[in-house]
Amino acid sequence: MSDIIDDQGPKPRTRREVLENPQCDRGIFGGRELHTTATEPLPEYSDTGYTDVTVRVAPSNGIPIFNRGLFIGTATMVVVSAVLFWVPFLNALMAGAFGGFFARNWSRAFKAAAAASVAVPALFAFLYGWDTPDFYYMFYGLGFWGWTALHVVGLFIGAASGVYSRPVAERRRYRTPLTGR
């Protein structure tokens, strides 16, 4: 005979079980932290004796994105510059400004600009390759390679201006000191 398979999976642990576990997550100063989702109600501190626990809200829905600023900056640059492809320099300048603003710091903005400066011309080369293999007539007077050069230059200038439009504390990642309660 075979054993009964429990298709429900393991029983989820309650907050009390998490907090009473000695291996509970520890915060910066060694205090216990409770990671909860935004949809769950926060624990009632008056009902429990866990007043020294920090509650961190963690996102639970959707696809986990590890380099969120880089991903959002790159996606913004690609979409804006692809939609405005017919305005050769301004499309990349606007895309870089919006994507650099969402990337929030210099390194992520320039990484996003490098990825978008390869992705968008590659997309148009792929789409244009279905019709004819001659790139000289793609953007008529400018040509494909001239458009690509303007696109790359515009993306990096726009990414720098987008990051520079953030407040100084956000783009240089100044940290405010944590104060005790």
C-alpha atoms as a PDB file:
ATOM      1  CA  MET A   1       0.000   0.000   0.000  1.00  0.00           C
ATOM      2  CA  SER A   2       1.028   3.573  -0.407  1.00  0.00           C
ATOM      3  CA  ASP A   3       0.812   6.441   2.011  1.00  0.00           C
ATOM      4  CA  ILE A   4      -1.763   9.187   1.645  1.00  0.00           C
ATOM      5  CA  ILE A   5      -0.314  12.199  -0.124  1.00  0.00           C
ATOM      6  CA  ASP A   6      -1.143  15.523   1.440  1.00  0.00           C
ATOM      7  CA  ASP A   7      -1.591  17.848  -1.541  1.00  0.00           C
ATOM      8  CA  GLN A   8      -2.200  20.851   0.689  1.00  0.00           C
ATOM      9  CA  GLY A   9       1.498  21.215   1.475  1.00  0.00           C
ATOM     10  CA  PRO A  10       2.916  22.066   4.876  1.00  0.00           C
ATOM     11  CA  LYS A  11       0.794  24.005   7.302  1.00  0.00           C
ATOM     12  CA  PRO A  12       1.716  27.707   7.267  1.00  0.00           C
ATOM     13  CA  ARG A  13       3.248  28.971  10.451  1.00  0.00           C
ATOM     14  CA  THR A  14       1.448  31.584  12.483  1.00  0.00           C
ATOM     15  CA  ARG A  15       3.046  34.831  13.572  1.00  0.00           C
ATOM     16  CA  ARG A  16       3.261  33.587  17.123  1.00  0.00           C
ATOM     17  CA  GLU A  17       5.192  30.492  16.006  1.00  0.00           C
ATOM     18  CA  VAL A  18       7.554  32.703  14.022  1.00  0.00           C
ATOM     19  CA  LEU A  19       8.130  35.059  16.943  1.00  0.00           C
ATOM     20  CA  GLU A  20       8.589  32.328  19.520  1.00  0.00           C
ATOM     21  CA  ASN A  21      11.133  30.590  17.318  1.00  0.00           C
ATOM     22  CA  PRO A  22      14.662  31.381  18.569  1.00  0.00           C
ATOM     23  CA  GLN A  23      15.868  31.385  14.948  1.00  0.00           C
ATOM     24  CA  CYS A  24      13.543  34.304  14.108  1.00  0.00           C
ATOM     25  CA  ASP A  25      14.873  36.940  11.677  1.00  0.00           C
ATOM     26  CA  ARG A  26      17.003  39.589  13.330  1.00  0.00           C
ATOM     27  CA  GLY A  27      17.083  43.243  12.380  1.00  0.00           C
ATOM     28  CA  ILE A  28      19.951  45.708  12.239  1.00  0.00           C
ATOM     29  CA  PHE A  29      20.254  46.079  15.989  1.00  0.00           C
ATOM     30  CA  GLY A  30      19.574  42.422  16.784  1.00  0.00           C
ATOM     31  CA  GLY A  31      15.871  42.821  17.541  1.00  0.00           C
ATOM     32  CA  ARG A  32      13.332  40.387  16.174  1.00  0.00           C
ATOM     33  CA  GLU A  33      11.629  41.173  12.879  1.00  0.00           C
ATOM     34  CA  LEU A  34       8.355  39.852  11.578  1.00  0.00           C
ATOM     35  CA  HIS A  35       8.038  39.785   7.797  1.00  0.00           C
ATOM     36  CA  THR A  36       4.430  40.114   6.689  1.00  0.00           C
ATOM     37  CA  THR A  37       2.658  40.782   3.416  1.00  0.00           C
ATOM     38  CA  ALA A  38       0.726  43.931   2.662  1.00  0.00           C
ATOM     39  CA  THR A  39      -2.582  42.041   2.529  1.00  0.00           C
ATOM     40  CA  GLU A  40      -2.262  40.487   5.987  1.00  0.00           C
ATOM     41  CA  PRO A  41      -3.409  42.573   8.936  1.00  0.00           C
ATOM     42  CA  LEU A  42      -0.646  43.726  11.230  1.00  0.00           C
ATOM     43  CA  PRO A  43      -0.468  42.015  14.604  1.00  0.00           C
ATOM     44  CA  GLU A  44      -2.206  43.630  17.536  1.00  0.00           C
ATOM     45  CA  TYR A  45       0.505  44.667  19.943  1.00  0.00           C
ATOM     46  CA  SER A  46      -1.914  45.263  22.793  1.00  0.00           C
ATOM     47  CA  ASP A  47      -2.995  41.600  22.715  1.00  0.00           C
ATOM     48  CA  THR A  48       0.513  40.165  22.646  1.00  0.00           C
ATOM     49  CA  GLY A  49       3.628  40.685  24.663  1.00  0.00           C
ATOM     50  CA  TYR A  50       5.790  41.260  21.581  1.00  0.00           C
ATOM     51  CA  THR A  51       6.235  45.021  21.770  1.00  0.00           C
ATOM     52  CA  ASP A  52       9.896  44.985  20.703  1.00  0.00           C
ATOM     53  CA  VAL A  53       9.241  43.341  17.327  1.00  0.00           C
ATOM     54  CA  THR A  54       9.689  45.328  14.122  1.00  0.00           C
ATOM     55  CA  VAL A  55       7.154  44.530  11.410  1.00  0.00           C
ATOM     56  CA  ARG A  56       8.504  44.655   7.852  1.00  0.00           C
ATOM     57  CA  VAL A  57       5.985  44.612   5.018  1.00  0.00           C
ATOM     58  CA  ALA A  58       7.212  42.429   2.165  1.00  0.00           C
ATOM     59  CA  PRO A  59       5.558  42.292  -1.273  1.00  0.00           C
ATOM     60  CA  SER A  60       3.895  38.980  -1.984  1.00  0.00           C
ATOM     61  CA  ASN A  61       2.049  39.373  -5.277  1.00  0.00           C
ATOM     62  CA  GLY A  62       3.555  39.306  -8.738  1.00  0.00           C
ATOM     63  CA  ILE A  63       6.928  38.275 -10.077  1.00  0.00           C
ATOM     64  CA  PRO A  64       9.883  38.858  -7.749  1.00  0.00           C
ATOM     65  CA  ILE A  65      12.239  41.388  -9.343  1.00  0.00           C
ATOM     66  CA  PHE A  66      15.678  41.371  -7.762  1.00  0.00           C
ATOM     67  CA  ASN A  67      17.237  44.457  -9.374  1.00  0.00           C
ATOM     68  CA  ARG A  68      14.051  46.472  -9.371  1.00  0.00           C
ATOM     69  CA  GLY A  69      15.512  49.910 -10.172  1.00  0.00           C
ATOM     70  CA  LEU A  70      17.631  48.532 -12.999  1.00  0.00           C
ATOM     71  CA  PHE A  71      14.721  46.557 -14.457  1.00  0.00           C
ATOM     72  CA  ILE A  72      12.259  49.466 -14.290  1.00  0.00           C
ATOM     73  CA  GLY A  73      14.812  51.911 -15.697  1.00  0.00           C
ATOM     74  CA  THR A  74      15.684  49.602 -18.591  1.00  0.00           C
ATOM     75  CA  ALA A  75      12.047  48.796 -19.370  1.00  0.00           C
ATOM     76  CA  THR A  76      11.138  52.493 -19.328  1.00  0.00           C
ATOM     77  CA  MET A  77      14.016  53.373 -21.643  1.00  0.00           C
ATOM     78  CA  VAL A  78      13.177  50.586 -24.087  1.00  0.00           C
ATOM     79  CA  VAL A  79       9.452  51.338 -24.244  1.00  0.00           C
ATOM     80  CA  VAL A  80       9.736  55.127 -24.560  1.00  0.00           C
ATOM     81  CA  SER A  81      12.502  55.018 -27.154  1.00  0.00           C
ATOM     82  CA  ALA A  82      10.705  52.323 -29.181  1.00  0.00           C
ATOM     83  CA  VAL A  83       7.434  54.251 -29.175  1.00  0.00           C
ATOM     84  CA  LEU A  84       9.150  57.483 -30.250  1.00  0.00           C
ATOM     85  CA  PHE A  85      11.532  55.874 -32.755  1.00  0.00           C
ATOM     86  CA  TRP A  86      10.628  58.389 -35.456  1.00  0.00           C
ATOM     87  CA  VAL A  87      12.196  61.320 -33.529  1.00  0.00           C
ATOM     88  CA  PRO A  88      15.891  60.307 -33.732  1.00  0.00           C
ATOM     89  CA  PHE A  89      17.617  62.112 -30.849  1.00  0.00           C
ATOM     90  CA  LEU A  90      14.670  63.247 -28.755  1.00  0.00           C
ATOM     91  CA  ASN A  91      13.331  59.712 -28.282  1.00  0.00           C
ATOM     92  CA  ALA A  92      16.507  58.527 -26.594  1.00  0.00           C
ATOM     93  CA  LEU A  93      16.867  61.742 -24.601  1.00  0.00           C
ATOM     94  CA  MET A  94      13.353  61.427 -23.176  1.00  0.00           C
ATOM     95  CA  ALA A  95      13.711  57.688 -22.606  1.00  0.00           C
ATOM     96  CA  GLY A  96      17.020  58.183 -20.802  1.00  0.00           C
ATOM     97  CA  ALA A  97      15.594  60.964 -18.623  1.00  0.00           C
ATOM     98  CA  PHE A  98      12.577  58.902 -17.545  1.00  0.00           C
ATOM     99  CA  GLY A  99      14.562  55.690 -17.116  1.00  0.00           C
ATOM    100  CA  GLY A 100      17.385  57.445 -15.245  1.00  0.00           C
ATOM    101  CA  PHE A 101      14.853  59.007 -12.905  1.00  0.00           C
ATOM    102  CA  PHE A 102      13.365  55.590 -12.127  1.00  0.00           C
ATOM    103  CA  ALA A 103      16.805  53.967 -11.791  1.00  0.00           C
ATOM    104  CA  ARG A 104      17.600  56.438  -8.944  1.00  0.00           C
ATOM    105  CA  ASN A 105      21.412  56.292  -8.951  1.00  0.00           C
ATOM    106  CA  TRP A 106      24.249  56.675 -11.422  1.00  0.00           C
ATOM    107  CA  SER A 107      25.400  53.080 -11.775  1.00  0.00           C
ATOM    108  CA  ARG A 108      21.932  51.633 -12.333  1.00  0.00           C
ATOM    109  CA  ALA A 109      21.031  54.400 -14.792  1.00  0.00           C
ATOM    110  CA  PHE A 110      24.138  53.853 -16.907  1.00  0.00           C
ATOM    111  CA  LYS A 111      23.685  50.063 -16.835  1.00  0.00           C
ATOM    112  CA  ALA A 112      20.074  50.541 -17.948  1.00  0.00           C
ATOM    113  CA  ALA A 113      21.188  52.936 -20.707  1.00  0.00           C
ATOM    114  CA  ALA A 114      23.777  50.427 -21.920  1.00  0.00           C
ATOM    115  CA  ALA A 115      21.169  47.644 -22.032  1.00  0.00           C
ATOM    116  CA  ALA A 116      18.584  49.821 -23.777  1.00  0.00           C
ATOM    117  CA  SER A 117      21.133  51.171 -26.271  1.00  0.00           C
ATOM    118  CA  VAL A 118      21.678  47.596 -27.436  1.00  0.00           C
ATOM    119  CA  ALA A 119      18.094  46.319 -27.130  1.00  0.00           C
ATOM    120  CA  VAL A 120      16.238  48.977 -29.121  1.00  0.00           C
ATOM    121  CA  PRO A 121      18.508  49.021 -32.218  1.00  0.00           C
ATOM    122  CA  ALA A 122      18.573  45.214 -32.133  1.00  0.00           C
ATOM    123  CA  LEU A 123      14.768  45.190 -32.036  1.00  0.00           C
ATOM    124  CA  PHE A 124      14.525  47.491 -35.055  1.00  0.00           C
ATOM    125  CA  ALA A 125      17.223  45.580 -36.923  1.00  0.00           C
ATOM    126  CA  PHE A 126      15.281  42.370 -36.336  1.00  0.00           C
ATOM    127  CA  LEU A 127      11.968  43.906 -37.410  1.00  0.00           C
ATOM    128  CA  TYR A 128      13.486  45.616 -40.439  1.00  0.00           C
ATOM    129  CA  GLY A 129      15.316  42.457 -41.454  1.00  0.00           C
ATOM    130  CA  TRP A 130      11.992  40.835 -42.379  1.00  0.00           C
ATOM    131  CA  ASP A 131      11.522  43.310 -45.207  1.00  0.00           C
ATOM    132  CA  THR A 132      14.954  43.931 -46.689  1.00  0.00           C
ATOM    133  CA  PRO A 133      18.564  43.321 -45.632  1.00  0.00           C
ATOM    134  CA  ASP A 134      19.650  46.862 -46.604  1.00  0.00           C
ATOM    135  CA  PHE A 135      19.938  49.092 -43.518  1.00  0.00           C
ATOM    136  CA  TYR A 136      20.824  52.252 -45.453  1.00  0.00           C
ATOM    137  CA  TYR A 137      17.215  53.105 -46.251  1.00  0.00           C
ATOM    138  CA  MET A 138      15.755  52.335 -42.844  1.00  0.00           C
ATOM    139  CA  PHE A 139      15.580  55.923 -41.622  1.00  0.00           C
ATOM    140  CA  TYR A 140      16.183  57.391 -45.106  1.00  0.00           C
ATOM    141  CA  GLY A 141      18.484  60.406 -44.686  1.00  0.00           C
ATOM    142  CA  LEU A 142      19.966  59.306 -41.380  1.00  0.00           C
ATOM    143  CA  GLY A 143      20.431  55.600 -42.004  1.00  0.00           C
ATOM    144  CA  PHE A 144      20.379  52.847 -39.417  1.00  0.00           C
ATOM    145  CA  TRP A 145      23.883  53.388 -38.062  1.00  0.00           C
ATOM    146  CA  GLY A 146      23.439  57.150 -37.753  1.00  0.00           C
ATOM    147  CA  TRP A 147      20.159  56.608 -35.927  1.00  0.00           C
ATOM    148  CA  THR A 148      21.864  54.088 -33.627  1.00  0.00           C
ATOM    149  CA  ALA A 149      24.687  56.521 -32.832  1.00  0.00           C
ATOM    150  CA  LEU A 150      22.214  59.296 -31.998  1.00  0.00           C
ATOM    151  CA  HIS A 151      20.195  56.840 -29.926  1.00  0.00           C
ATOM    152  CA  VAL A 152      23.186  55.745 -27.832  1.00  0.00           C
ATOM    153  CA  VAL A 153      24.396  59.303 -27.205  1.00  0.00           C
ATOM    154  CA  GLY A 154      20.884  60.495 -26.354  1.00  0.00           C
ATOM    155  CA  LEU A 155      20.281  57.624 -23.925  1.00  0.00           C
ATOM    156  CA  PHE A 156      23.408  58.301 -21.900  1.00  0.00           C
ATOM    157  CA  ILE A 157      22.812  62.067 -21.780  1.00  0.00           C
ATOM    158  CA  GLY A 158      19.190  61.466 -20.810  1.00  0.00           C
ATOM    159  CA  ALA A 159      20.143  58.908 -18.140  1.00  0.00           C
ATOM    160  CA  ALA A 160      22.569  61.387 -16.582  1.00  0.00           C
ATOM    161  CA  SER A 161      19.932  64.138 -16.590  1.00  0.00           C
ATOM    162  CA  GLY A 162      17.311  61.787 -15.155  1.00  0.00           C
ATOM    163  CA  VAL A 163      19.502  60.803 -12.222  1.00  0.00           C
ATOM    164  CA  TYR A 164      20.574  64.409 -11.706  1.00  0.00           C
ATOM    165  CA  SER A 165      16.917  65.427 -11.369  1.00  0.00           C
ATOM    166  CA  ARG A 166      16.555  63.214  -8.268  1.00  0.00           C
ATOM    167  CA  PRO A 167      17.180  64.749  -4.835  1.00  0.00           C
ATOM    168  CA  VAL A 168      20.804  64.585  -3.711  1.00  0.00           C
ATOM    169  CA  ALA A 169      20.025  62.256  -0.799  1.00  0.00           C
ATOM    170  CA  GLU A 170      18.471  59.685  -3.130  1.00  0.00           C
ATOM    171  CA  ARG A 171      21.011  59.712  -5.948  1.00  0.00           C
ATOM    172  CA  ARG A 172      24.052  59.587  -3.657  1.00  0.00           C
ATOM    173  CA  ARG A 173      22.380  57.206  -1.215  1.00  0.00           C
ATOM    174  CA  TYR A 174      22.932  59.220   1.937  1.00  0.00           C
ATOM    175  CA  ARG A 175      21.617  57.380   4.935  1.00  0.00           C
ATOM    176  CA  THR A 176      19.809  59.071   7.750  1.00  0.00           C
ATOM    177  CA  PRO A 177      20.922  57.854  11.178  1.00  0.00           C
ATOM    178  CA  LEU A 178      18.534  55.526  12.941  1.00  0.00           C
ATOM    179  CA  THR A 179      17.397  56.850  16.270  1.00  0.00           C
ATOM    180  CA  GLY A 180      16.279  54.768  19.211  1.00  0.00           C
ATOM    181  CA  ARG A 181      12.766  54.980  20.556  1.00  0.00           C
END
